[in-house]
Amino acid sequence: MSKKRIYIILEVKERELLAKTLLAIQLSNLDYSIVIGKKNNLYNYAKYFQTGLFFFKGMGKKNIKPMQMLKSLGHNIVGFDEEGLLANHPSMMKERINENCLQLVEKFFTVGSKQLENTIKVYEKYKSKISVIGNVRFDLLKKEYNKFYYNEVEEIKKKYGKFLFISSTFNRLHYGMPEMPPSPGRDFMQSSYDYQKNFEVKLKEFLYYFPNKYKDIKILVRPHPLGSKKYWEDIVKEVNCKNFLIADEKFSTNSYLLASEFSISSNCTTAIESFFLGKPSINFRASEKDGLIVSPLIREISSIETLNVKELEKIILDWFYENKKFSINLTSNLRESIKYNIKNIDKYSYQLFLEQISDLNFTQKIKKDKFSNKFFVTFFRVIKRLKNFKYKILSKKKKNDTTSYEHLKFPSFTKNEVNDIILKFFNLSGYDRKKYELKEIYPGCICLEKIRR
């Protein structure tokens, strides 16, 4: 009898690949067959797949057609909102969680109780479908697994020495506001754009004087994965100071957080990640008045907040010159707030996920992958390259920048890349790699299974 199959959809590689690979390992270790891949690859080859469960990372209206297609093929679907930890205000719920999608999924999962309650306020009649599982991204930060980053941390320290780390949040600023009618979703985007615009003014004010004034304090900036790298290259060139650099993109953001003295961000999830990694953070606020985009959790969880450039300067100088360190302050109220927002604090997300899917029917309409062998994988790969070439030509004629944006989200994805990640996790967990099989069943669709003896 074939194993139960779960398909894990990826969209933004830098943000999702490590955590979703960890989830694949955890589930395969419990005798599930797990396939991870870029969403378009999984959709394209779904008609050949063994029937299984698709784990969607978004519930917006663009997911309706793929969900309908997968349901028609006999697959089950569960849904999640990758941004739901922060973007869960009731006013925007109907756009983030489309009702048609909610009807199509067997279950919809939230990160924490806050998102659960806000979702039910809008969709009470679907209450029985909605439950909490946390987010595997936070499992990745726990002591058992954050050792994954230690080798990178040592490399970063060797390359840069002591530094403070700035993570950019300028994705909306760089791509601007799309043309769309008035709606809560547009209000949220506008709030994000306005916030980033205000923060840009403050951050530039800081960067255009601080590095040159204090040349012995190194600053690394990490562009947002969906933002413009050239924007930061231009600023670094204008500042023209050896101690202000763009962080090498071959290392992960979490590795930089661990290697840094502390991090500076503005309403960014890196403040939450810093907290879980045991590293102090500064929330450099854009304005005194909080807009729709501002997260109360980020404000609570940050080690220090400041609105003022000069105050930020003093905090940094106190740290580097006066040895006046600041640290994380975990109060009982903050602990309860974290648990309210993020479920997988005392348990792992995969355990909560399995509890919720245990009653789902895994009836296999298709019991085995069709046309999945070396010959067909090569054939499908050639067809895919021809289609990609045609799409690039058409995109250039239309002067469409969608291709470059998609490349930022998912530049590449190979079996060897996944294998390298798996080997690192196996070394941490003591698993025997020889007991697991990793294969590319279709182009860009990577399957992990534990071998049955």
Protein backbone atom coordinates (compact mmCIF):
# COMPACT_ATOMS: atom_id res chain seq x y z
CA MET A 1 0.00 0.00 0.00
CA SER A 2 1.36 3.42 -0.95
CA LYS A 3 2.04 6.05 1.70
CA LYS A 4 -0.32 8.96 2.31
CA ARG A 5 0.89 11.87 0.18
CA ILE A 6 1.08 15.54 1.25
CA TYR A 7 2.00 18.34 -1.18
CA ILE A 8 3.64 21.43 0.36
CA ILE A 9 3.42 24.56 -1.78
CA LEU A 10 6.31 27.06 -1.85
CA GLU A 11 6.07 30.62 -3.12
CA VAL A 12 8.85 32.81 -1.64
CA LYS A 13 11.96 30.65 -1.51
CA GLU A 14 14.12 32.66 0.91
CA ARG A 15 11.34 32.92 3.46
CA GLU A 16 9.85 29.43 3.20
CA LEU A 17 12.29 26.78 1.95
CA LEU A 18 14.11 25.94 5.20
CA ALA A 19 10.96 25.77 7.32
CA LYS A 20 8.98 23.78 4.76
CA THR A 21 11.88 21.35 4.29
CA LEU A 22 11.92 20.84 8.06
CA LEU A 23 8.18 20.13 7.91
CA ALA A 24 8.78 17.63 5.09
CA ILE A 25 11.37 15.82 7.22
CA GLN A 26 9.12 15.74 10.28
CA LEU A 27 6.17 14.34 8.32
CA SER A 28 8.20 11.85 6.25
CA ASN A 29 9.67 10.51 9.49
CA LEU A 30 6.08 9.55 10.41
CA ASP A 31 5.69 7.57 7.18
CA TYR A 32 4.08 10.21 4.97
CA SER A 33 5.22 10.78 1.39
CA ILE A 34 5.99 14.50 1.08
CA VAL A 35 6.36 16.52 -2.12
CA ILE A 36 7.56 20.10 -1.97
CA GLY A 37 7.82 22.49 -4.88
CA LYS A 38 7.10 25.85 -6.40
CA LYS A 39 3.35 26.26 -6.71
CA ASN A 40 3.23 26.41 -10.52
CA ASN A 41 5.21 23.18 -10.82
CA LEU A 42 2.89 21.40 -8.42
CA TYR A 43 -0.17 22.67 -10.29
CA ASN A 44 1.25 21.75 -13.71
CA TYR A 45 1.91 18.11 -12.83
CA ALA A 46 -1.03 17.60 -10.46
CA LYS A 47 -2.92 15.53 -13.04
CA TYR A 48 -0.16 12.91 -12.87
CA PHE A 49 0.25 12.91 -9.08
CA GLN A 50 -0.76 10.21 -6.66
CA THR A 51 -3.91 11.55 -5.01
CA GLY A 52 -3.12 13.37 -1.79
CA LEU A 53 -3.49 16.46 0.38
CA PHE A 54 -2.41 19.90 -0.87
CA PHE A 55 -1.25 22.34 1.82
CA PHE A 56 -1.94 25.85 0.46
CA LYS A 57 -0.04 28.80 1.90
CA GLY A 58 -2.56 31.44 0.84
CA MET A 59 -6.34 31.82 0.64
CA GLY A 60 -6.77 34.84 -1.65
CA LYS A 61 -9.02 34.73 -4.71
CA LYS A 62 -6.11 33.84 -7.04
CA ASN A 63 -6.16 30.40 -5.38
CA ILE A 64 -9.76 29.59 -6.39
CA LYS A 65 -8.98 28.13 -9.84
CA PRO A 66 -6.01 26.01 -8.68
CA MET A 67 -8.09 24.68 -5.79
CA GLN A 68 -11.01 23.84 -8.09
CA MET A 69 -8.65 22.07 -10.50
CA LEU A 70 -7.04 20.02 -7.70
CA LYS A 71 -10.42 19.08 -6.22
CA SER A 72 -11.60 17.88 -9.66
CA LEU A 73 -8.56 15.58 -9.75
CA GLY A 74 -9.53 14.06 -6.40
CA HIS A 75 -7.04 15.84 -4.16
CA ASN A 76 -7.95 17.17 -0.73
CA ILE A 77 -6.97 20.71 0.26
CA VAL A 78 -6.14 22.47 3.51
CA GLY A 79 -5.41 26.18 3.69
CA PHE A 80 -3.17 28.58 5.59
CA ASP A 81 -2.32 32.27 5.40
CA GLU A 82 1.48 32.70 5.55
CA GLU A 83 1.04 36.37 6.51
CA GLY A 84 -1.76 35.67 8.97
CA LEU A 85 0.29 36.33 12.10
CA LEU A 86 0.26 40.06 11.34
CA ALA A 87 -2.34 40.55 8.58
CA ASN A 88 -5.40 39.31 10.45
CA HIS A 89 -7.53 42.39 11.12
CA PRO A 90 -11.25 41.55 10.60
CA SER A 91 -11.62 44.40 8.09
CA MET A 92 -9.27 42.70 5.61
CA MET A 93 -10.29 39.10 6.29
CA LYS A 94 -12.58 38.64 3.26
CA GLU A 95 -9.78 39.59 0.89
CA ARG A 96 -7.05 37.56 2.56
CA ILE A 97 -9.36 34.58 3.07
CA ASN A 98 -11.69 34.31 0.11
CA GLU A 99 -15.01 32.63 0.96
CA ASN A 100 -14.87 30.43 -2.15
CA CYS A 101 -11.49 29.15 -0.99
CA LEU A 102 -12.88 28.53 2.48
CA GLN A 103 -15.65 26.45 0.92
CA LEU A 104 -13.13 24.43 -1.13
CA VAL A 105 -10.72 23.51 1.71
CA GLU A 106 -11.29 20.71 4.19
CA LYS A 107 -9.63 22.79 6.91
CA PHE A 108 -8.24 26.28 7.33
CA PHE A 109 -5.37 26.71 9.78
CA THR A 110 -4.33 29.81 11.69
CA VAL A 111 -1.04 30.70 13.40
CA GLY A 112 -2.57 31.57 16.75
CA SER A 113 -5.74 32.23 18.70
CA LYS A 114 -5.85 35.90 17.74
CA GLN A 115 -6.02 35.08 14.02
CA LEU A 116 -8.52 32.29 14.78
CA GLU A 117 -10.86 34.63 16.67
CA ASN A 118 -10.65 37.37 14.03
CA THR A 119 -11.34 34.85 11.27
CA ILE A 120 -14.39 33.45 13.06
CA LYS A 121 -15.74 36.98 13.59
CA VAL A 122 -16.06 37.21 9.81
CA TYR A 123 -16.71 33.55 8.95
CA GLU A 124 -18.63 32.14 11.90
CA LYS A 125 -20.53 29.63 9.76
CA TYR A 126 -17.19 27.99 8.87
CA LYS A 127 -16.10 27.75 12.49
CA SER A 128 -15.87 23.94 12.40
CA LYS A 129 -13.28 24.15 9.59
CA ILE A 130 -10.97 26.59 11.36
CA SER A 131 -8.26 25.54 13.82
CA VAL A 132 -4.84 26.60 15.10
CA ILE A 133 -1.51 24.95 14.19
CA GLY A 134 1.12 27.70 14.62
CA ASN A 135 3.77 28.16 11.93
CA VAL A 136 6.72 25.86 11.26
CA ARG A 137 8.92 28.96 10.79
CA PHE A 138 8.96 29.28 14.57
CA ASP A 139 9.91 25.63 15.07
CA LEU A 140 13.00 26.41 13.02
CA LEU A 141 14.05 28.96 15.67
CA LYS A 142 13.84 26.61 18.64
CA LYS A 143 17.06 25.37 20.26
CA GLU A 144 16.80 21.91 18.72
CA TYR A 145 16.94 23.33 15.21
CA ASN A 146 18.53 26.79 15.33
CA LYS A 147 21.93 25.06 15.45
CA PHE A 148 21.28 24.67 11.72
CA TYR A 149 22.60 28.23 11.38
CA TYR A 150 25.75 27.90 13.49
CA ASN A 151 28.19 27.23 10.64
CA GLU A 152 26.87 30.22 8.73
CA VAL A 153 27.07 32.35 11.88
CA GLU A 154 30.77 31.52 12.25
CA GLU A 155 31.39 32.34 8.59
CA ILE A 156 29.58 35.67 8.95
CA LYS A 157 31.54 36.62 12.08
CA LYS A 158 34.80 35.71 10.36
CA LYS A 159 33.89 37.81 7.33
CA TYR A 160 32.42 40.88 9.04
CA GLY A 161 33.43 40.88 12.71
CA LYS A 162 31.10 42.86 14.99
CA PHE A 163 28.17 44.58 13.30
CA LEU A 164 24.60 45.76 13.71
CA PHE A 165 22.07 44.36 11.29
CA ILE A 166 19.33 46.26 9.45
CA SER A 167 16.61 44.27 7.69
CA SER A 168 14.80 46.17 4.96
CA THR A 169 11.00 46.14 4.76
CA PHE A 170 10.68 48.16 1.55
CA ASN A 171 8.91 45.62 -0.67
CA ARG A 172 5.70 47.66 -1.03
CA LEU A 173 7.65 50.91 -1.38
CA HIS A 174 9.73 49.53 -4.25
CA TYR A 175 6.81 48.11 -6.22
CA GLY A 176 4.36 50.90 -5.51
CA MET A 177 0.59 50.79 -5.16
CA PRO A 178 -1.29 48.64 -7.67
CA GLU A 179 -4.35 49.98 -9.45
CA MET A 180 -7.33 48.57 -7.60
CA PRO A 181 -10.73 49.83 -6.42
CA PRO A 182 -11.27 50.99 -2.83
CA SER A 183 -11.39 48.05 -0.43
CA PRO A 184 -10.03 46.97 2.97
CA GLY A 185 -7.21 45.20 1.13
CA ARG A 186 -6.26 48.40 -0.64
CA ASP A 187 -6.41 50.28 2.67
CA PHE A 188 -3.97 47.76 4.13
CA MET A 189 -1.60 48.12 1.16
CA GLN A 190 -1.83 51.91 1.38
CA SER A 191 -1.09 51.78 5.10
CA SER A 192 1.96 49.62 4.33
CA TYR A 193 3.13 51.96 1.56
CA ASP A 194 2.71 55.08 3.71
CA TYR A 195 4.47 53.45 6.64
CA GLN A 196 7.44 52.39 4.51
CA LYS A 197 7.63 55.84 2.92
CA ASN A 198 7.78 57.50 6.35
CA PHE A 199 10.34 55.00 7.57
CA GLU A 200 12.47 55.52 4.47
CA VAL A 201 12.87 59.21 5.37
CA LYS A 202 14.09 58.37 8.88
CA LEU A 203 16.34 55.52 7.82
CA LYS A 204 18.01 57.58 5.10
CA GLU A 205 18.57 60.42 7.56
CA PHE A 206 20.34 57.95 9.83
CA LEU A 207 22.37 56.21 7.12
CA TYR A 208 23.55 59.38 5.41
CA TYR A 209 25.44 60.53 8.51
CA PHE A 210 25.98 57.72 11.03
CA PRO A 211 28.38 55.37 9.12
CA ASN A 212 30.69 58.24 8.19
CA LYS A 213 30.61 59.71 11.68
CA TYR A 214 31.36 56.39 13.42
CA LYS A 215 33.60 54.47 11.04
CA ASP A 216 34.43 51.76 13.58
CA ILE A 217 30.79 50.62 13.85
CA LYS A 218 29.92 48.27 11.01
CA ILE A 219 26.39 48.24 9.56
CA LEU A 220 25.04 45.47 7.34
CA VAL A 221 21.74 45.89 5.51
CA ARG A 222 19.72 42.99 4.08
CA PRO A 223 17.36 43.94 1.21
CA HIS A 224 13.85 42.51 1.45
CA PRO A 225 13.63 39.31 -0.67
CA LEU A 226 10.92 40.96 -2.78
CA GLY A 227 12.48 44.42 -2.72
CA SER A 228 15.01 46.12 -4.98
CA LYS A 229 18.66 45.27 -4.44
CA LYS A 230 19.70 48.10 -6.78
CA TYR A 231 17.97 50.60 -4.46
CA TRP A 232 20.36 49.56 -1.68
CA GLU A 233 23.37 49.39 -3.97
CA ASP A 234 22.73 53.03 -4.91
CA ILE A 235 22.46 54.11 -1.26
CA VAL A 236 25.65 52.25 -0.28
CA LYS A 237 27.41 53.92 -3.21
CA GLU A 238 26.16 57.38 -2.17
CA VAL A 239 27.14 56.89 1.48
CA ASN A 240 30.53 55.62 0.28
CA CYS A 241 31.76 54.26 3.58
CA LYS A 242 33.61 50.97 4.13
CA ASN A 243 31.66 50.16 7.30
CA PHE A 244 28.24 50.29 5.56
CA LEU A 245 27.65 47.19 3.44
CA ILE A 246 24.98 45.06 1.81
CA ALA A 247 24.91 41.69 3.54
CA ASP A 248 26.08 38.77 1.42
CA GLU A 249 22.89 37.09 0.20
CA LYS A 250 24.36 33.59 0.41
CA PHE A 251 23.71 33.65 4.17
CA SER A 252 20.21 33.52 5.67
CA THR A 253 18.57 36.36 7.57
CA ASN A 254 18.37 34.23 10.73
CA SER A 255 22.12 33.60 10.55
CA TYR A 256 22.72 37.35 10.37
CA LEU A 257 20.42 37.91 13.34
CA LEU A 258 22.40 35.38 15.40
CA ALA A 259 25.78 36.76 14.30
CA SER A 260 24.90 40.42 14.90
CA GLU A 261 25.25 42.47 18.05
CA PHE A 262 21.59 43.38 17.61
CA SER A 263 19.16 44.15 14.79
CA ILE A 264 17.29 47.27 13.71
CA SER A 265 14.02 47.03 11.83
CA SER A 266 10.65 48.72 11.61
CA ASN A 267 7.45 46.74 12.09
CA CYS A 268 9.26 43.69 10.70
CA THR A 269 8.89 40.02 11.61
CA THR A 270 12.67 39.88 12.12
CA ALA A 271 11.95 41.39 15.56
CA ILE A 272 9.91 38.27 16.37
CA GLU A 273 12.59 36.00 14.93
CA SER A 274 15.26 37.84 16.94
CA PHE A 275 13.25 37.22 20.10
CA PHE A 276 13.00 33.48 19.47
CA LEU A 277 16.72 33.35 18.68
CA GLY A 278 17.54 35.13 21.94
CA LYS A 279 18.90 38.26 20.23
CA PRO A 280 18.00 41.88 21.13
CA SER A 281 16.25 44.09 18.60
CA ILE A 282 15.33 47.74 18.07
CA ASN A 283 11.98 48.67 16.54
CA PHE A 284 12.69 51.98 14.76
CA ARG A 285 9.14 53.29 14.43
CA ALA A 286 8.10 55.30 11.39
CA SER A 287 5.64 57.54 13.23
CA GLU A 288 4.05 58.05 16.61
CA LYS A 289 0.59 57.13 15.37
CA ASP A 290 0.16 53.45 14.52
CA GLY A 291 -1.59 52.70 11.24
CA LEU A 292 -3.47 49.59 10.14
CA ILE A 293 -0.21 47.88 9.18
CA VAL A 294 1.47 48.17 12.60
CA SER A 295 1.69 44.96 14.61
CA PRO A 296 1.07 45.19 18.37
CA LEU A 297 3.03 41.93 18.79
CA ILE A 298 6.14 43.38 17.13
CA ARG A 299 5.91 46.43 19.38
CA GLU A 300 5.62 44.21 22.45
CA ILE A 301 8.34 41.76 21.51
CA SER A 302 11.05 44.27 20.48
CA SER A 303 13.75 44.90 23.09
CA ILE A 304 13.70 48.69 22.56
CA GLU A 305 11.55 51.07 20.55
CA THR A 306 12.51 54.50 19.31
CA LEU A 307 10.98 57.18 17.11
CA ASN A 308 13.99 59.46 16.98
CA VAL A 309 17.19 59.26 14.92
CA LYS A 310 19.29 60.90 17.63
CA GLU A 311 17.90 58.55 20.25
CA LEU A 312 18.79 55.63 18.00
CA GLU A 313 22.31 57.02 17.71
CA LYS A 314 22.63 57.18 21.50
CA ILE A 315 21.37 53.60 21.96
CA ILE A 316 23.97 52.34 19.48
CA LEU A 317 26.82 54.35 20.99
CA ASP A 318 25.90 53.19 24.49
CA TRP A 319 26.14 49.59 23.29
CA PHE A 320 29.42 49.86 21.38
CA TYR A 321 31.29 52.51 23.43
CA GLU A 322 29.83 52.44 26.94
CA ASN A 323 29.05 48.71 27.17
CA LYS A 324 25.46 49.59 28.10
CA LYS A 325 23.71 46.59 26.66
CA PHE A 326 19.96 46.11 26.31
CA SER A 327 18.29 42.73 26.27
CA ILE A 328 15.04 40.85 25.85
CA ASN A 329 12.62 41.31 28.73
CA LEU A 330 10.23 38.35 28.88
CA THR A 331 7.43 39.39 31.21
CA SER A 332 4.46 37.18 32.07
CA ASN A 333 2.22 39.46 29.98
CA LEU A 334 4.53 39.16 26.97
CA ARG A 335 4.65 35.37 27.32
CA GLU A 336 0.84 35.22 27.28
CA SER A 337 0.70 37.58 24.30
CA ILE A 338 3.12 35.39 22.34
CA LYS A 339 1.10 32.26 23.13
CA TYR A 340 -2.07 34.05 22.07
CA ASN A 341 -0.54 34.98 18.70
CA ILE A 342 1.60 31.88 18.03
CA LYS A 343 0.34 28.41 18.94
CA ASN A 344 3.49 26.31 18.52
CA ILE A 345 5.41 27.57 21.55
CA ASP A 346 5.19 24.42 23.69
CA LYS A 347 4.53 21.98 20.81
CA TYR A 348 5.80 21.66 17.26
CA SER A 349 3.64 22.88 14.40
CA TYR A 350 3.76 19.52 12.60
CA GLN A 351 2.25 17.83 15.68
CA LEU A 352 -0.66 20.30 15.68
CA PHE A 353 -1.01 19.88 11.89
CA LEU A 354 -1.24 16.09 12.18
CA GLU A 355 -3.84 16.33 14.95
CA GLN A 356 -6.03 18.40 12.64
CA ILE A 357 -5.72 16.24 9.51
CA SER A 358 -6.10 12.90 11.32
CA ASP A 359 -9.81 12.69 10.44
CA LEU A 360 -9.37 13.51 6.74
CA ASN A 361 -10.05 10.87 4.11
CA PHE A 362 -6.92 10.04 2.10
CA THR A 363 -8.79 7.93 -0.47
CA GLN A 364 -6.41 7.52 -3.40
CA LYS A 365 -8.15 8.05 -6.73
CA ILE A 366 -4.70 7.75 -8.32
CA LYS A 367 -2.57 5.33 -6.30
CA LYS A 368 0.76 5.93 -8.04
CA ASP A 369 2.45 8.84 -9.84
CA LYS A 370 2.02 8.58 -13.61
CA PHE A 371 4.88 9.10 -16.08
CA SER A 372 7.39 9.55 -13.26
CA ASN A 373 10.74 8.14 -14.36
CA LYS A 374 14.03 9.48 -15.70
CA PHE A 375 12.84 9.55 -19.30
CA PHE A 376 9.64 11.49 -18.59
CA VAL A 377 11.29 13.84 -16.08
CA THR A 378 13.82 14.76 -18.81
CA PHE A 379 11.01 15.10 -21.38
CA PHE A 380 8.94 17.34 -19.07
CA ARG A 381 12.01 19.43 -18.29
CA VAL A 382 12.63 20.13 -21.99
CA ILE A 383 8.98 21.10 -22.48
CA LYS A 384 9.16 23.38 -19.45
CA ARG A 385 12.27 25.16 -20.75
CA LEU A 386 10.62 25.78 -24.11
CA LYS A 387 7.53 27.21 -22.40
CA ASN A 388 9.69 29.43 -20.15
CA PHE A 389 11.61 30.72 -23.18
CA LYS A 390 8.36 31.53 -24.99
CA TYR A 391 6.97 33.28 -21.88
CA LYS A 392 10.11 35.43 -21.50
CA ILE A 393 9.88 36.54 -25.14
CA LEU A 394 6.20 37.45 -24.77
CA SER A 395 6.87 39.24 -21.47
CA LYS A 396 9.55 41.40 -23.08
CA LYS A 397 7.20 42.34 -25.93
CA LYS A 398 4.56 43.37 -23.42
CA LYS A 399 7.18 45.17 -21.28
CA ASN A 400 5.92 43.11 -18.38
CA ASP A 401 8.11 42.92 -15.25
CA THR A 402 6.18 39.95 -13.82
CA THR A 403 9.02 37.62 -14.81
CA SER A 404 11.62 39.51 -12.75
CA TYR A 405 9.25 39.69 -9.78
CA GLU A 406 8.62 35.94 -9.93
CA HIS A 407 12.38 35.37 -10.15
CA LEU A 408 12.85 37.34 -6.93
CA LYS A 409 10.26 35.16 -5.22
CA PHE A 410 11.72 31.91 -6.48
CA PRO A 411 15.07 32.17 -8.32
CA SER A 412 15.81 28.44 -8.53
CA PHE A 413 14.97 25.10 -6.94
CA THR A 414 16.93 21.87 -7.25
CA LYS A 415 17.00 18.42 -5.71
CA ASN A 416 20.65 18.92 -4.67
CA GLU A 417 19.71 22.10 -2.82
CA VAL A 418 17.01 20.29 -0.86
CA ASN A 419 19.37 17.39 -0.20
CA ASP A 420 21.98 19.75 1.31
CA ILE A 421 19.37 21.19 3.67
CA ILE A 422 18.13 17.72 4.63
CA LEU A 423 21.66 16.54 5.42
CA LYS A 424 22.17 19.48 7.80
CA PHE A 425 18.90 18.75 9.60
CA PHE A 426 19.68 15.02 9.77
CA ASN A 427 23.05 15.75 11.35
CA LEU A 428 21.27 17.80 14.04
CA SER A 429 18.56 15.21 14.66
CA GLY A 430 20.64 12.05 14.36
CA TYR A 431 18.59 10.65 11.46
CA ASP A 432 20.25 8.24 9.03
CA ARG A 433 20.15 9.70 5.50
CA LYS A 434 20.36 6.18 4.03
CA LYS A 435 16.90 5.43 5.44
CA TYR A 436 15.28 8.16 3.34
CA GLU A 437 14.75 8.52 -0.38
CA LEU A 438 14.80 11.90 -2.10
CA LYS A 439 13.86 12.10 -5.77
CA GLU A 440 12.58 14.58 -8.34
CA ILE A 441 9.35 12.96 -9.48
CA TYR A 442 8.62 15.77 -11.97
CA PRO A 443 10.61 18.95 -12.77
CA GLY A 444 10.74 21.05 -9.61
CA CYS A 445 8.66 18.55 -7.60
CA ILE A 446 10.88 16.99 -4.93
CA CYS A 447 9.62 13.94 -3.03
CA LEU A 448 10.95 12.81 0.37
CA GLU A 449 10.03 9.42 1.85
CA LYS A 450 11.31 7.21 4.60
CA ILE A 451 12.25 3.83 3.12
CA ARG A 452 10.11 0.93 4.31
CA ARG A 453 12.05 -2.18 5.30
